[in-house]
N, C-alpha and C. Protein backbone atom coordinates (compact mmCIF):
# COMPACT_ATOMS: atom_id res chain seq x y z
N MET A 1 0.84 -1.17 0.00
CA MET A 1 0.00 0.00 0.00
C MET A 1 0.90 1.24 0.00
N SER A 2 0.59 2.16 -0.85
CA SER A 2 1.35 3.40 -0.93
C SER A 2 0.69 4.47 -0.07
N ILE A 3 1.48 5.09 0.77
CA ILE A 3 0.97 6.15 1.64
C ILE A 3 1.64 7.44 1.23
N THR A 4 0.86 8.46 0.98
CA THR A 4 1.44 9.75 0.63
C THR A 4 0.90 10.82 1.57
N GLY A 5 1.65 11.86 1.67
CA GLY A 5 1.26 13.02 2.45
C GLY A 5 1.70 14.23 1.65
N LEU A 6 2.21 15.24 2.33
CA LEU A 6 2.73 16.42 1.66
C LEU A 6 4.15 16.13 1.18
N ASP A 7 4.43 16.34 -0.08
CA ASP A 7 5.73 16.04 -0.67
C ASP A 7 6.78 17.03 -0.16
N VAL A 8 7.79 16.52 0.55
CA VAL A 8 8.91 17.34 1.04
C VAL A 8 10.25 16.72 0.60
N LYS A 9 10.18 15.84 -0.39
CA LYS A 9 11.35 15.11 -0.88
C LYS A 9 12.46 16.07 -1.31
N GLY A 10 13.67 15.84 -0.77
CA GLY A 10 14.84 16.61 -1.16
C GLY A 10 14.97 17.98 -0.51
N LEU A 11 14.03 18.36 0.35
CA LEU A 11 14.08 19.67 1.00
C LEU A 11 14.86 19.59 2.31
N ASP A 12 15.60 20.65 2.64
CA ASP A 12 16.26 20.71 3.94
C ASP A 12 15.27 21.28 4.96
N THR A 13 15.68 21.36 6.23
CA THR A 13 14.75 21.79 7.28
C THR A 13 14.24 23.22 7.07
N THR A 14 15.08 24.09 6.55
CA THR A 14 14.64 25.47 6.30
C THR A 14 13.60 25.50 5.19
N GLU A 15 13.82 24.72 4.14
CA GLU A 15 12.86 24.67 3.04
C GLU A 15 11.54 24.02 3.48
N ILE A 16 11.64 22.98 4.29
CA ILE A 16 10.42 22.35 4.83
C ILE A 16 9.67 23.36 5.69
N SER A 17 10.39 24.10 6.53
CA SER A 17 9.77 25.11 7.38
C SER A 17 9.01 26.14 6.55
N ARG A 18 9.63 26.60 5.48
CA ARG A 18 8.98 27.58 4.58
C ARG A 18 7.71 27.00 3.98
N LYS A 19 7.75 25.74 3.60
CA LYS A 19 6.59 25.09 2.99
C LYS A 19 5.45 24.94 3.99
N LEU A 20 5.80 24.72 5.27
CA LEU A 20 4.79 24.51 6.31
C LEU A 20 4.34 25.80 7.00
N GLU A 21 5.06 26.87 6.77
CA GLU A 21 4.77 28.15 7.42
C GLU A 21 3.32 28.57 7.24
N VAL A 22 2.76 28.34 6.08
CA VAL A 22 1.38 28.74 5.79
C VAL A 22 0.38 28.05 6.74
N PHE A 23 0.65 26.81 7.10
CA PHE A 23 -0.26 26.08 7.98
C PHE A 23 -0.17 26.59 9.41
N VAL A 24 1.03 26.96 9.84
CA VAL A 24 1.20 27.55 11.17
C VAL A 24 0.55 28.92 11.21
N ALA A 25 0.69 29.70 10.11
CA ALA A 25 0.08 31.04 10.03
C ALA A 25 -1.44 30.95 10.02
N ASP A 26 -2.01 29.87 9.49
CA ASP A 26 -3.46 29.68 9.55
C ASP A 26 -3.91 29.41 10.98
N TYR A 27 -3.06 28.73 11.75
CA TYR A 27 -3.38 28.38 13.13
C TYR A 27 -3.12 29.55 14.08
N PHE A 28 -1.99 30.23 13.88
CA PHE A 28 -1.62 31.41 14.66
C PHE A 28 -1.57 32.59 13.71
N LYS A 29 -2.63 33.35 13.65
CA LYS A 29 -2.71 34.48 12.73
C LYS A 29 -1.50 35.39 12.90
N GLY A 30 -0.88 35.74 11.77
CA GLY A 30 0.25 36.65 11.79
C GLY A 30 1.59 35.99 12.00
N TYR A 31 1.64 34.66 12.15
CA TYR A 31 2.92 33.98 12.34
C TYR A 31 3.75 34.07 11.07
N SER A 32 5.04 34.30 11.23
CA SER A 32 5.95 34.22 10.08
C SER A 32 7.35 33.90 10.59
N LEU A 33 8.10 33.22 9.76
CA LEU A 33 9.49 32.89 10.05
C LEU A 33 10.38 34.04 9.63
N GLY A 34 11.47 34.21 10.34
CA GLY A 34 12.48 35.18 9.93
C GLY A 34 13.27 34.62 8.75
N ALA A 35 13.94 35.47 8.03
CA ALA A 35 14.73 35.05 6.87
C ALA A 35 15.75 33.99 7.27
N GLY A 36 15.74 32.89 6.56
CA GLY A 36 16.71 31.82 6.79
C GLY A 36 16.46 30.99 8.04
N GLN A 37 15.36 31.22 8.73
CA GLN A 37 15.08 30.47 9.96
C GLN A 37 14.35 29.17 9.65
N SER A 38 14.50 28.22 10.56
CA SER A 38 13.80 26.94 10.49
C SER A 38 13.00 26.76 11.77
N MET A 39 11.84 26.16 11.65
CA MET A 39 11.05 25.84 12.83
C MET A 39 11.66 24.67 13.60
N PHE A 40 12.49 23.88 12.92
CA PHE A 40 12.95 22.62 13.48
C PHE A 40 14.43 22.67 13.82
N GLN A 41 14.77 22.19 15.03
CA GLN A 41 16.14 22.19 15.48
C GLN A 41 16.71 20.79 15.68
N GLU A 42 15.86 19.77 15.75
CA GLU A 42 16.37 18.42 15.95
C GLU A 42 15.51 17.41 15.19
N GLY A 43 16.13 16.29 14.88
CA GLY A 43 15.43 15.20 14.21
C GLY A 43 15.74 13.89 14.90
N PHE A 44 14.80 12.96 14.82
CA PHE A 44 14.98 11.66 15.46
C PHE A 44 14.02 10.67 14.83
N MET A 45 14.28 9.38 15.05
CA MET A 45 13.43 8.30 14.54
C MET A 45 12.55 7.76 15.66
N LEU A 46 11.30 7.48 15.33
CA LEU A 46 10.37 6.84 16.26
C LEU A 46 9.62 5.75 15.53
N GLU A 47 9.17 4.75 16.27
CA GLU A 47 8.37 3.68 15.69
C GLU A 47 6.89 3.96 15.92
N PHE A 48 6.05 3.26 15.18
CA PHE A 48 4.60 3.47 15.24
C PHE A 48 4.07 3.41 16.67
N GLY A 49 4.52 2.44 17.44
CA GLY A 49 4.04 2.29 18.81
C GLY A 49 4.29 3.52 19.67
N GLU A 50 5.38 4.23 19.38
CA GLU A 50 5.71 5.43 20.13
C GLU A 50 4.87 6.63 19.72
N LEU A 51 4.27 6.56 18.54
CA LEU A 51 3.46 7.67 18.03
C LEU A 51 1.97 7.33 17.94
N MET A 52 1.63 6.14 18.36
CA MET A 52 0.26 5.64 18.23
C MET A 52 -0.79 6.60 18.80
N ASP A 53 -0.47 7.23 19.92
CA ASP A 53 -1.43 8.14 20.55
C ASP A 53 -1.53 9.47 19.82
N THR A 54 -0.52 9.82 19.04
CA THR A 54 -0.52 11.08 18.29
C THR A 54 -1.21 10.93 16.94
N ILE A 55 -0.99 9.79 16.30
CA ILE A 55 -1.57 9.55 14.97
C ILE A 55 -3.06 9.26 15.13
N PRO A 56 -3.91 10.01 14.41
CA PRO A 56 -5.35 9.79 14.52
C PRO A 56 -5.73 8.34 14.21
N LEU A 57 -6.68 7.82 14.94
CA LEU A 57 -7.11 6.43 14.84
C LEU A 57 -7.48 6.05 13.40
N GLN A 58 -8.07 6.97 12.64
CA GLN A 58 -8.49 6.63 11.28
C GLN A 58 -7.31 6.32 10.36
N HIS A 59 -6.07 6.65 10.79
CA HIS A 59 -4.89 6.37 9.98
C HIS A 59 -4.10 5.15 10.47
N HIS A 60 -4.47 4.57 11.58
CA HIS A 60 -3.71 3.45 12.14
C HIS A 60 -3.57 2.29 11.17
N HIS A 61 -4.57 2.05 10.35
CA HIS A 61 -4.52 0.92 9.41
C HIS A 61 -3.43 1.10 8.34
N LEU A 62 -2.92 2.32 8.18
CA LEU A 62 -1.88 2.59 7.18
C LEU A 62 -0.50 2.13 7.64
N PHE A 63 -0.35 1.86 8.93
CA PHE A 63 0.95 1.57 9.50
C PHE A 63 0.92 0.25 10.26
N ASN A 64 2.11 -0.28 10.54
CA ASN A 64 2.20 -1.48 11.38
C ASN A 64 3.26 -1.24 12.45
N ASP A 65 3.47 -2.22 13.29
CA ASP A 65 4.41 -2.07 14.41
C ASP A 65 5.84 -1.80 13.95
N ASP A 66 6.19 -2.19 12.73
CA ASP A 66 7.54 -2.01 12.21
C ASP A 66 7.73 -0.67 11.49
N THR A 67 6.67 0.10 11.34
CA THR A 67 6.77 1.37 10.63
C THR A 67 7.61 2.35 11.44
N GLU A 68 8.58 2.95 10.77
CA GLU A 68 9.43 3.96 11.41
C GLU A 68 9.14 5.32 10.80
N PHE A 69 9.30 6.35 11.60
CA PHE A 69 9.03 7.72 11.19
C PHE A 69 10.23 8.59 11.51
N VAL A 70 10.46 9.59 10.69
CA VAL A 70 11.40 10.65 11.01
C VAL A 70 10.56 11.76 11.63
N CYS A 71 10.98 12.22 12.78
CA CYS A 71 10.29 13.32 13.45
C CYS A 71 11.27 14.47 13.61
N MET A 72 10.77 15.66 13.39
CA MET A 72 11.57 16.86 13.62
C MET A 72 10.81 17.71 14.61
N SER A 73 11.55 18.39 15.48
CA SER A 73 10.88 19.27 16.44
C SER A 73 11.71 20.53 16.67
N GLY A 74 11.05 21.50 17.25
CA GLY A 74 11.70 22.76 17.54
C GLY A 74 10.74 23.70 18.24
N PHE A 75 11.15 24.93 18.37
CA PHE A 75 10.34 25.95 19.03
C PHE A 75 9.95 27.02 18.02
N ILE A 76 8.72 27.51 18.17
CA ILE A 76 8.29 28.66 17.39
C ILE A 76 7.78 29.72 18.35
N THR A 77 7.95 30.98 17.99
CA THR A 77 7.43 32.09 18.78
C THR A 77 6.16 32.57 18.08
N VAL A 78 5.05 32.53 18.80
CA VAL A 78 3.76 32.85 18.19
C VAL A 78 3.21 34.19 18.67
N GLY A 79 4.00 34.92 19.42
CA GLY A 79 3.58 36.23 19.92
C GLY A 79 4.29 36.52 21.22
N TYR A 80 3.79 37.52 21.92
CA TYR A 80 4.38 37.92 23.18
C TYR A 80 3.28 38.13 24.22
N VAL A 81 3.55 37.68 25.44
CA VAL A 81 2.62 37.83 26.55
C VAL A 81 3.37 38.51 27.67
N ASP A 82 2.90 39.67 28.09
CA ASP A 82 3.56 40.45 29.15
C ASP A 82 5.04 40.68 28.85
N GLY A 83 5.35 40.95 27.58
CA GLY A 83 6.72 41.25 27.18
C GLY A 83 7.62 40.04 27.01
N LYS A 84 7.08 38.82 27.23
CA LYS A 84 7.87 37.60 27.08
C LYS A 84 7.40 36.84 25.85
N ALA A 85 8.36 36.23 25.16
CA ALA A 85 8.03 35.45 23.97
C ALA A 85 7.13 34.27 24.33
N ASP A 86 6.06 34.10 23.56
CA ASP A 86 5.16 32.96 23.72
C ASP A 86 5.66 31.86 22.79
N GLU A 87 6.48 30.97 23.33
CA GLU A 87 7.08 29.91 22.54
C GLU A 87 6.29 28.63 22.67
N ARG A 88 6.19 27.91 21.57
CA ARG A 88 5.50 26.62 21.54
C ARG A 88 6.42 25.59 20.92
N ILE A 89 6.22 24.36 21.28
CA ILE A 89 6.97 23.25 20.69
C ILE A 89 6.18 22.76 19.48
N ILE A 90 6.86 22.67 18.34
CA ILE A 90 6.23 22.20 17.12
C ILE A 90 6.95 20.95 16.66
N SER A 91 6.23 20.03 16.03
CA SER A 91 6.86 18.83 15.53
C SER A 91 6.23 18.40 14.22
N LEU A 92 7.01 17.69 13.46
CA LEU A 92 6.57 17.18 12.16
C LEU A 92 6.86 15.70 12.12
N ILE A 93 5.88 14.92 11.70
CA ILE A 93 6.03 13.47 11.55
C ILE A 93 6.06 13.18 10.06
N MET A 94 7.14 12.50 9.63
CA MET A 94 7.33 12.17 8.21
C MET A 94 7.59 10.68 8.06
N ASP A 95 7.57 10.22 6.80
CA ASP A 95 7.93 8.83 6.53
C ASP A 95 9.42 8.64 6.84
N GLU A 96 9.85 7.41 6.88
CA GLU A 96 11.23 7.11 7.28
C GLU A 96 12.29 7.62 6.31
N HIS A 97 11.89 8.03 5.11
CA HIS A 97 12.85 8.55 4.13
C HIS A 97 12.79 10.06 3.99
N SER A 98 11.99 10.71 4.82
CA SER A 98 11.81 12.17 4.81
C SER A 98 11.34 12.67 3.44
N GLU A 99 10.47 11.89 2.81
CA GLU A 99 9.92 12.29 1.52
C GLU A 99 8.52 12.88 1.63
N TYR A 100 7.76 12.43 2.63
CA TYR A 100 6.38 12.90 2.80
C TYR A 100 6.11 13.29 4.25
N ALA A 101 5.53 14.47 4.42
CA ALA A 101 5.11 14.92 5.74
C ALA A 101 3.71 14.35 6.00
N TYR A 102 3.51 13.81 7.20
CA TYR A 102 2.22 13.23 7.55
C TYR A 102 1.41 14.13 8.48
N LEU A 103 2.04 14.58 9.56
CA LEU A 103 1.32 15.37 10.56
C LEU A 103 2.19 16.51 11.06
N LEU A 104 1.61 17.70 11.14
CA LEU A 104 2.27 18.86 11.74
C LEU A 104 1.58 19.09 13.07
N CYS A 105 2.32 18.99 14.16
CA CYS A 105 1.74 19.00 15.50
C CYS A 105 2.31 20.12 16.37
N LEU A 106 1.57 20.43 17.40
CA LEU A 106 1.96 21.45 18.35
C LEU A 106 1.72 20.91 19.74
N LEU A 107 2.69 21.11 20.63
CA LEU A 107 2.48 20.74 22.03
C LEU A 107 2.01 21.98 22.76
N GLN A 108 0.80 21.90 23.28
CA GLN A 108 0.21 23.03 23.98
C GLN A 108 -0.14 22.62 25.41
N GLU A 109 -0.20 23.61 26.25
CA GLU A 109 -0.62 23.35 27.62
C GLU A 109 -2.12 23.61 27.71
N VAL A 110 -2.85 22.59 28.13
CA VAL A 110 -4.29 22.70 28.29
C VAL A 110 -4.61 22.27 29.72
N ASP A 111 -5.19 23.19 30.49
CA ASP A 111 -5.52 22.92 31.89
C ASP A 111 -4.32 22.39 32.67
N GLY A 112 -3.15 22.98 32.41
CA GLY A 112 -1.94 22.62 33.14
C GLY A 112 -1.27 21.34 32.66
N GLU A 113 -1.79 20.71 31.60
CA GLU A 113 -1.23 19.47 31.08
C GLU A 113 -0.79 19.67 29.64
N GLY A 114 0.29 18.99 29.26
CA GLY A 114 0.74 19.04 27.87
C GLY A 114 -0.17 18.21 26.99
N GLU A 115 -0.56 18.78 25.87
CA GLU A 115 -1.46 18.08 24.94
C GLU A 115 -0.97 18.31 23.52
N THR A 116 -0.95 17.25 22.71
CA THR A 116 -0.55 17.37 21.33
C THR A 116 -1.77 17.73 20.49
N VAL A 117 -1.64 18.80 19.71
CA VAL A 117 -2.71 19.27 18.83
C VAL A 117 -2.19 19.15 17.40
N ILE A 118 -2.99 18.57 16.53
CA ILE A 118 -2.59 18.47 15.13
C ILE A 118 -3.00 19.74 14.41
N ILE A 119 -2.01 20.47 13.90
CA ILE A 119 -2.26 21.67 13.12
C ILE A 119 -2.71 21.31 11.72
N LYS A 120 -2.05 20.31 11.13
CA LYS A 120 -2.40 19.89 9.77
C LYS A 120 -2.16 18.39 9.61
N ASP A 121 -3.18 17.70 9.16
CA ASP A 121 -3.13 16.27 8.88
C ASP A 121 -3.00 16.10 7.37
N PHE A 122 -1.79 15.82 6.88
CA PHE A 122 -1.56 15.70 5.46
C PHE A 122 -2.00 14.34 4.91
N LEU A 123 -2.27 13.38 5.79
CA LEU A 123 -2.77 12.07 5.35
C LEU A 123 -4.23 12.16 4.91
N SER A 124 -4.95 13.12 5.47
CA SER A 124 -6.37 13.31 5.14
C SER A 124 -6.56 14.25 3.96
N ALA A 125 -5.51 14.96 3.59
CA ALA A 125 -5.64 15.98 2.54
C ALA A 125 -5.83 15.38 1.17
């Protein structure tokens, strides 16, 4: 079975950030990256079991226990509160070859607890 998402094949982190900037700007009105900046500062591999709670249930049938993902994460500044930067943790889940983006996520604090919110589900697009 072929699974596709948003094509990011051959792009570096800055180029991927530029491509995804529009989705973050839709979520946080007025968001923009500075010239040459990337939303992502680190990358790592995770298996399906480690992301099972993040990936929407309707997509679970697309993956199996052996599926590996490349994940990138970093911080974005979405505004200022009382003169301090309002920073959020953003992450991107891609296929193991970094060719297709699947989910663009944000870690937000809700009622004092960290919660993952999907900004854009490219598997449903």
